[in-house]
Amino acid sequence: MNLSELNAEITSTYQMLYLPAGGDRAKDGSAVFIFTDLVESQDFHGKAGSFMTQGKGTFNAEKFRVEGSFNIVPGSGKGELGEMFINGGSGSFESDEKDPGQVNYKFVLST
């Protein structure tokens, strides 16, 4: 499943640590981050409801690229969408190869 199929309001909380140049980083501004998202949707594969995610990622300032992974918190959902993710799930995200400002998401259900 792709995020492009998700019509939702997402409330995010991030903690981000910006890193100085050094080591494998040629310039300042790269970062590591953790986050929690509340995803509230009216239509995701025909289902309405909500669920929570927790994840982590990195931002590469030289390439202007972001990537990371997240877990859908088991039992955090409400409504039909909550039932869909009752056992949780996982996902990943990364900047689009051709347009780094565009981020692509993928979801995997736990069974």
Foldseek 3Di string as FASTA:
>chain_A
DKCVLFDWDKDKDKDKDWDAADDPANGTGKIKMKMKIWTFGPDRPHWGKIWMKIWIWIARPVVRKIKIKIKTDACRMDGPVNVQQNVIWMKMKMADPVGSVDIIIDIGHDD
